[in-house]
Amino acid sequence: MSLLQAPQLPSVEYLATGLVNELADRPEPFMLVFDDLHLAESSQVNQFLETVLAYLPIKVS
């Protein structure tokens, strides 16, 4: 939450890497769902998703 209150948001790569690391630390398999992607118009959202999907842990379906 503190990242959202910072004067400048962290880079897309930093956020994507953080999410991938958090997902990799989860002990059980799970499903990750991105809803309403057709509403995303930002190139940063696309870059974030490309990075996350490229390094997604195997246990995520």
PDB file of N, CA and C in Angstrom:
ATOM      1  N   MET A   1       0.818  -1.183   0.000  1.00  0.00           N
ATOM      2  CA  MET A   1       0.000   0.000   0.000  1.00  0.00           C
ATOM      3  C   MET A   1       0.869   1.258   0.000  1.00  0.00           C
ATOM      4  N   SER A   2       2.007   1.204   0.656  1.00  0.00           N
ATOM      5  CA  SER A   2       2.865   2.376   0.719  1.00  0.00           C
ATOM      6  C   SER A   2       3.378   2.771  -0.662  1.00  0.00           C
ATOM      7  N   LEU A   3       3.509   1.807  -1.576  1.00  0.00           N
ATOM      8  CA  LEU A   3       3.944   2.127  -2.933  1.00  0.00           C
ATOM      9  C   LEU A   3       2.942   3.027  -3.644  1.00  0.00           C
ATOM     10  N   LEU A   4       1.677   2.839  -3.356  1.00  0.00           N
ATOM     11  CA  LEU A   4       0.645   3.643  -4.004  1.00  0.00           C
ATOM     12  C   LEU A   4       0.615   5.074  -3.477  1.00  0.00           C
ATOM     13  N   GLN A   5       1.182   5.296  -2.308  1.00  0.00           N
ATOM     14  CA  GLN A   5       1.199   6.631  -1.720  1.00  0.00           C
ATOM     15  C   GLN A   5       2.507   7.364  -2.002  1.00  0.00           C
ATOM     16  N   ALA A   6       3.438   6.723  -2.667  1.00  0.00           N
ATOM     17  CA  ALA A   6       4.723   7.350  -2.980  1.00  0.00           C
ATOM     18  C   ALA A   6       4.515   8.466  -3.996  1.00  0.00           C
ATOM     19  N   PRO A   7       5.381   9.484  -3.985  1.00  0.00           N
ATOM     20  CA  PRO A   7       5.240  10.582  -4.936  1.00  0.00           C
ATOM     21  C   PRO A   7       5.366  10.126  -6.389  1.00  0.00           C
ATOM     22  N   GLN A   8       6.136   9.077  -6.612  1.00  0.00           N
ATOM     23  CA  GLN A   8       6.280   8.527  -7.964  1.00  0.00           C
ATOM     24  C   GLN A   8       6.097   7.016  -7.874  1.00  0.00           C
ATOM     25  N   LEU A   9       5.247   6.482  -8.727  1.00  0.00           N
ATOM     26  CA  LEU A   9       5.017   5.039  -8.721  1.00  0.00           C
ATOM     27  C   LEU A   9       6.263   4.306  -9.200  1.00  0.00           C
ATOM     28  N   PRO A  10       6.491   3.093  -8.677  1.00  0.00           N
ATOM     29  CA  PRO A  10       7.627   2.302  -9.150  1.00  0.00           C
ATOM     30  C   PRO A  10       7.434   1.897 -10.607  1.00  0.00           C
ATOM     31  N   SER A  11       8.506   1.431 -11.210  1.00  0.00           N
ATOM     32  CA  SER A  11       8.449   1.036 -12.615  1.00  0.00           C
ATOM     33  C   SER A  11       7.557  -0.188 -12.797  1.00  0.00           C
ATOM     34  N   VAL A  12       7.101  -0.367 -14.005  1.00  0.00           N
ATOM     35  CA  VAL A  12       6.279  -1.524 -14.357  1.00  0.00           C
ATOM     36  C   VAL A  12       7.061  -2.809 -14.095  1.00  0.00           C
ATOM     37  N   GLU A  13       8.339  -2.816 -14.454  1.00  0.00           N
ATOM     38  CA  GLU A  13       9.176  -3.999 -14.243  1.00  0.00           C
ATOM     39  C   GLU A  13       9.283  -4.349 -12.760  1.00  0.00           C
ATOM     40  N   TYR A  14       9.426  -3.326 -11.924  1.00  0.00           N
ATOM     41  CA  TYR A  14       9.526  -3.547 -10.480  1.00  0.00           C
ATOM     42  C   TYR A  14       8.240  -4.177  -9.947  1.00  0.00           C
ATOM     43  N   LEU A  15       7.105  -3.631 -10.344  1.00  0.00           N
ATOM     44  CA  LEU A  15       5.818  -4.161  -9.887  1.00  0.00           C
ATOM     45  C   LEU A  15       5.574  -5.580 -10.401  1.00  0.00           C
ATOM     46  N   ALA A  16       5.895  -5.815 -11.669  1.00  0.00           N
ATOM     47  CA  ALA A  16       5.689  -7.153 -12.250  1.00  0.00           C
ATOM     48  C   ALA A  16       6.594  -8.174 -11.573  1.00  0.00           C
ATOM     49  N   THR A  17       7.842  -7.806 -11.345  1.00  0.00           N
ATOM     50  CA  THR A  17       8.779  -8.715 -10.681  1.00  0.00           C
ATOM     51  C   THR A  17       8.321  -9.018  -9.263  1.00  0.00           C
ATOM     52  N   GLY A  18       7.831  -8.001  -8.573  1.00  0.00           N
ATOM     53  CA  GLY A  18       7.316  -8.210  -7.222  1.00  0.00           C
ATOM     54  C   GLY A  18       6.148  -9.171  -7.192  1.00  0.00           C
ATOM     55  N   LEU A  19       5.227  -9.027  -8.135  1.00  0.00           N
ATOM     56  CA  LEU A  19       4.080  -9.937  -8.201  1.00  0.00           C
ATOM     57  C   LEU A  19       4.533 -11.359  -8.516  1.00  0.00           C
ATOM     58  N   VAL A  20       5.411 -11.505  -9.488  1.00  0.00           N
ATOM     59  CA  VAL A  20       5.900 -12.848  -9.858  1.00  0.00           C
ATOM     60  C   VAL A  20       6.583 -13.505  -8.659  1.00  0.00           C
ATOM     61  N   ASN A  21       7.383 -12.751  -7.925  1.00  0.00           N
ATOM     62  CA  ASN A  21       8.057 -13.307  -6.748  1.00  0.00           C
ATOM     63  C   ASN A  21       7.063 -13.720  -5.677  1.00  0.00           C
ATOM     64  N   GLU A  22       6.040 -12.923  -5.470  1.00  0.00           N
ATOM     65  CA  GLU A  22       5.004 -13.270  -4.491  1.00  0.00           C
ATOM     66  C   GLU A  22       4.265 -14.541  -4.912  1.00  0.00           C
ATOM     67  N   LEU A  23       3.951 -14.649  -6.187  1.00  0.00           N
ATOM     68  CA  LEU A  23       3.260 -15.834  -6.683  1.00  0.00           C
ATOM     69  C   LEU A  23       4.131 -17.077  -6.550  1.00  0.00           C
ATOM     70  N   ALA A  24       5.416 -16.926  -6.802  1.00  0.00           N
ATOM     71  CA  ALA A  24       6.339 -18.061  -6.712  1.00  0.00           C
ATOM     72  C   ALA A  24       6.467 -18.563  -5.277  1.00  0.00           C
ATOM     73  N   ASP A  25       6.262 -17.689  -4.301  1.00  0.00           N
ATOM     74  CA  ASP A  25       6.386 -18.067  -2.893  1.00  0.00           C
ATOM     75  C   ASP A  25       5.164 -18.794  -2.346  1.00  0.00           C
ATOM     76  N   ARG A  26       4.077 -18.786  -3.087  1.00  0.00           N
ATOM     77  CA  ARG A  26       2.865 -19.469  -2.620  1.00  0.00           C
ATOM     78  C   ARG A  26       3.076 -20.982  -2.701  1.00  0.00           C
ATOM     79  N   PRO A  27       2.780 -21.699  -1.621  1.00  0.00           N
ATOM     80  CA  PRO A  27       3.060 -23.139  -1.612  1.00  0.00           C
ATOM     81  C   PRO A  27       2.075 -23.977  -2.439  1.00  0.00           C
ATOM     82  N   GLU A  28       0.852 -23.521  -2.589  1.00  0.00           N
ATOM     83  CA  GLU A  28      -0.150 -24.336  -3.277  1.00  0.00           C
ATOM     84  C   GLU A  28      -0.408 -23.803  -4.682  1.00  0.00           C
ATOM     85  N   PRO A  29      -0.818 -24.685  -5.591  1.00  0.00           N
ATOM     86  CA  PRO A  29      -1.186 -24.222  -6.941  1.00  0.00           C
ATOM     87  C   PRO A  29      -2.431 -23.337  -6.866  1.00  0.00           C
ATOM     88  N   PHE A  30      -2.573 -22.448  -7.806  1.00  0.00           N
ATOM     89  CA  PHE A  30      -3.740 -21.580  -7.836  1.00  0.00           C
ATOM     90  C   PHE A  30      -3.940 -21.057  -9.248  1.00  0.00           C
ATOM     91  N   MET A  31      -5.068 -20.395  -9.461  1.00  0.00           N
ATOM     92  CA  MET A  31      -5.397 -19.828 -10.763  1.00  0.00           C
ATOM     93  C   MET A  31      -5.397 -18.301 -10.641  1.00  0.00           C
ATOM     94  N   LEU A  32      -4.759 -17.669 -11.587  1.00  0.00           N
ATOM     95  CA  LEU A  32      -4.714 -16.212 -11.634  1.00  0.00           C
ATOM     96  C   LEU A  32      -5.610 -15.756 -12.779  1.00  0.00           C
ATOM     97  N   VAL A  33      -6.559 -14.872 -12.489  1.00  0.00           N
ATOM     98  CA  VAL A  33      -7.524 -14.424 -13.487  1.00  0.00           C
ATOM     99  C   VAL A  33      -7.412 -12.908 -13.644  1.00  0.00           C
ATOM    100  N   PHE A  34      -7.268 -12.459 -14.875  1.00  0.00           N
ATOM    101  CA  PHE A  34      -7.294 -11.034 -15.191  1.00  0.00           C
ATOM    102  C   PHE A  34      -8.626 -10.763 -15.869  1.00  0.00           C
ATOM    103  N   ASP A  35      -9.465  -9.973 -15.231  1.00  0.00           N
ATOM    104  CA  ASP A  35     -10.805  -9.707 -15.734  1.00  0.00           C
ATOM    105  C   ASP A  35     -10.852  -8.326 -16.396  1.00  0.00           C
ATOM    106  N   ASP A  36     -11.694  -8.197 -17.392  1.00  0.00           N
ATOM    107  CA  ASP A  36     -11.950  -6.924 -18.079  1.00  0.00           C
ATOM    108  C   ASP A  36     -10.715  -6.310 -18.728  1.00  0.00           C
ATOM    109  N   LEU A  37      -9.833  -7.146 -19.255  1.00  0.00           N
ATOM    110  CA  LEU A  37      -8.631  -6.633 -19.913  1.00  0.00           C
ATOM    111  C   LEU A  37      -8.952  -5.797 -21.145  1.00  0.00           C
ATOM    112  N   HIS A  38     -10.092  -6.015 -21.716  1.00  0.00           N
ATOM    113  CA  HIS A  38     -10.469  -5.222 -22.895  1.00  0.00           C
ATOM    114  C   HIS A  38     -10.648  -3.742 -22.539  1.00  0.00           C
ATOM    115  N   LEU A  39     -10.762  -3.432 -21.257  1.00  0.00           N
ATOM    116  CA  LEU A  39     -10.903  -2.045 -20.824  1.00  0.00           C
ATOM    117  C   LEU A  39      -9.557  -1.355 -20.594  1.00  0.00           C
ATOM    118  N   ALA A  40      -8.492  -2.118 -20.553  1.00  0.00           N
ATOM    119  CA  ALA A  40      -7.161  -1.545 -20.316  1.00  0.00           C
ATOM    120  C   ALA A  40      -6.662  -0.890 -21.596  1.00  0.00           C
ATOM    121  N   GLU A  41      -6.370   0.387 -21.505  1.00  0.00           N
ATOM    122  CA  GLU A  41      -5.916   1.134 -22.674  1.00  0.00           C
ATOM    123  C   GLU A  41      -4.478   1.619 -22.531  1.00  0.00           C
ATOM    124  N   SER A  42      -3.848   1.307 -21.436  1.00  0.00           N
ATOM    125  CA  SER A  42      -2.505   1.801 -21.161  1.00  0.00           C
ATOM    126  C   SER A  42      -1.445   0.823 -21.668  1.00  0.00           C
ATOM    127  N   SER A  43      -0.421   1.354 -22.289  1.00  0.00           N
ATOM    128  CA  SER A  43       0.692   0.504 -22.719  1.00  0.00           C
ATOM    129  C   SER A  43       1.427  -0.051 -21.505  1.00  0.00           C
ATOM    130  N   GLN A  44       1.347   0.652 -20.366  1.00  0.00           N
ATOM    131  CA  GLN A  44       1.980   0.159 -19.149  1.00  0.00           C
ATOM    132  C   GLN A  44       1.279  -1.094 -18.626  1.00  0.00           C
ATOM    133  N   VAL A  45      -0.024  -1.154 -18.767  1.00  0.00           N
ATOM    134  CA  VAL A  45      -0.762  -2.355 -18.370  1.00  0.00           C
ATOM    135  C   VAL A  45      -0.335  -3.525 -19.248  1.00  0.00           C
ATOM    136  N   ASN A  46      -0.240  -3.296 -20.539  1.00  0.00           N
ATOM    137  CA  ASN A  46       0.200  -4.355 -21.457  1.00  0.00           C
ATOM    138  C   ASN A  46       1.615  -4.807 -21.130  1.00  0.00           C
ATOM    139  N   GLN A  47       2.504  -3.884 -20.843  1.00  0.00           N
ATOM    140  CA  GLN A  47       3.882  -4.226 -20.497  1.00  0.00           C
ATOM    141  C   GLN A  47       3.923  -5.036 -19.201  1.00  0.00           C
ATOM    142  N   PHE A  48       3.120  -4.633 -18.214  1.00  0.00           N
ATOM    143  CA  PHE A  48       3.042  -5.353 -16.945  1.00  0.00           C
ATOM    144  C   PHE A  48       2.603  -6.792 -17.169  1.00  0.00           C
ATOM    145  N   LEU A  49       1.530  -6.969 -17.933  1.00  0.00           N
ATOM    146  CA  LEU A  49       1.014  -8.313 -18.185  1.00  0.00           C
ATOM    147  C   LEU A  49       1.998  -9.160 -18.983  1.00  0.00           C
ATOM    148  N   GLU A  50       2.646  -8.578 -19.967  1.00  0.00           N
ATOM    149  CA  GLU A  50       3.639  -9.318 -20.747  1.00  0.00           C
ATOM    150  C   GLU A  50       4.767  -9.814 -19.845  1.00  0.00           C
ATOM    151  N   THR A  51       5.221  -8.964 -18.943  1.00  0.00           N
ATOM    152  CA  THR A  51       6.304  -9.349 -18.031  1.00  0.00           C
ATOM    153  C   THR A  51       5.846 -10.434 -17.071  1.00  0.00           C
ATOM    154  N   VAL A  52       4.682 -10.256 -16.472  1.00  0.00           N
ATOM    155  CA  VAL A  52       4.169 -11.254 -15.529  1.00  0.00           C
ATOM    156  C   VAL A  52       3.981 -12.599 -16.222  1.00  0.00           C
ATOM    157  N   LEU A  53       3.369 -12.600 -17.388  1.00  0.00           N
ATOM    158  CA  LEU A  53       3.116 -13.855 -18.093  1.00  0.00           C
ATOM    159  C   LEU A  53       4.401 -14.521 -18.572  1.00  0.00           C
ATOM    160  N   ALA A  54       5.406 -13.743 -18.898  1.00  0.00           N
ATOM    161  CA  ALA A  54       6.677 -14.314 -19.351  1.00  0.00           C
ATOM    162  C   ALA A  54       7.401 -15.055 -18.223  1.00  0.00           C
ATOM    163  N   TYR A  55       7.213 -14.622 -16.986  1.00  0.00           N
ATOM    164  CA  TYR A  55       7.942 -15.215 -15.861  1.00  0.00           C
ATOM    165  C   TYR A  55       7.024 -15.891 -14.844  1.00  0.00           C
ATOM    166  N   LEU A  56       5.821 -16.169 -15.240  1.00  0.00           N
ATOM    167  CA  LEU A  56       4.839 -16.782 -14.350  1.00  0.00           C
ATOM    168  C   LEU A  56       5.321 -18.149 -13.864  1.00  0.00           C
ATOM    169  N   PRO A  57       5.247 -18.416 -12.564  1.00  0.00           N
ATOM    170  CA  PRO A  57       5.641 -19.726 -12.048  1.00  0.00           C
ATOM    171  C   PRO A  57       4.779 -20.848 -12.635  1.00  0.00           C
ATOM    172  N   ILE A  58       5.348 -22.026 -12.754  1.00  0.00           N
ATOM    173  CA  ILE A  58       4.658 -23.173 -13.370  1.00  0.00           C
ATOM    174  C   ILE A  58       3.392 -23.543 -12.607  1.00  0.00           C
ATOM    175  N   LYS A  59       3.376 -23.357 -11.293  1.00  0.00           N
ATOM    176  CA  LYS A  59       2.230 -23.792 -10.499  1.00  0.00           C
ATOM    177  C   LYS A  59       0.988 -22.899 -10.674  1.00  0.00           C
ATOM    178  N   VAL A  60       1.102 -21.838 -11.439  1.00  0.00           N
ATOM    179  CA  VAL A  60      -0.029 -20.950 -11.693  1.00  0.00           C
ATOM    180  C   VAL A  60      -0.697 -21.395 -12.978  1.00  0.00           C
ATOM    181  N   SER A  61      -2.017 -21.575 -12.917  1.00  0.00           N
ATOM    182  CA  SER A  61      -2.736 -21.938 -14.151  1.00  0.00           C
ATOM    183  C   SER A  61      -3.604 -20.799 -14.595  1.00  0.00           C
TER     184      SER A  61
END
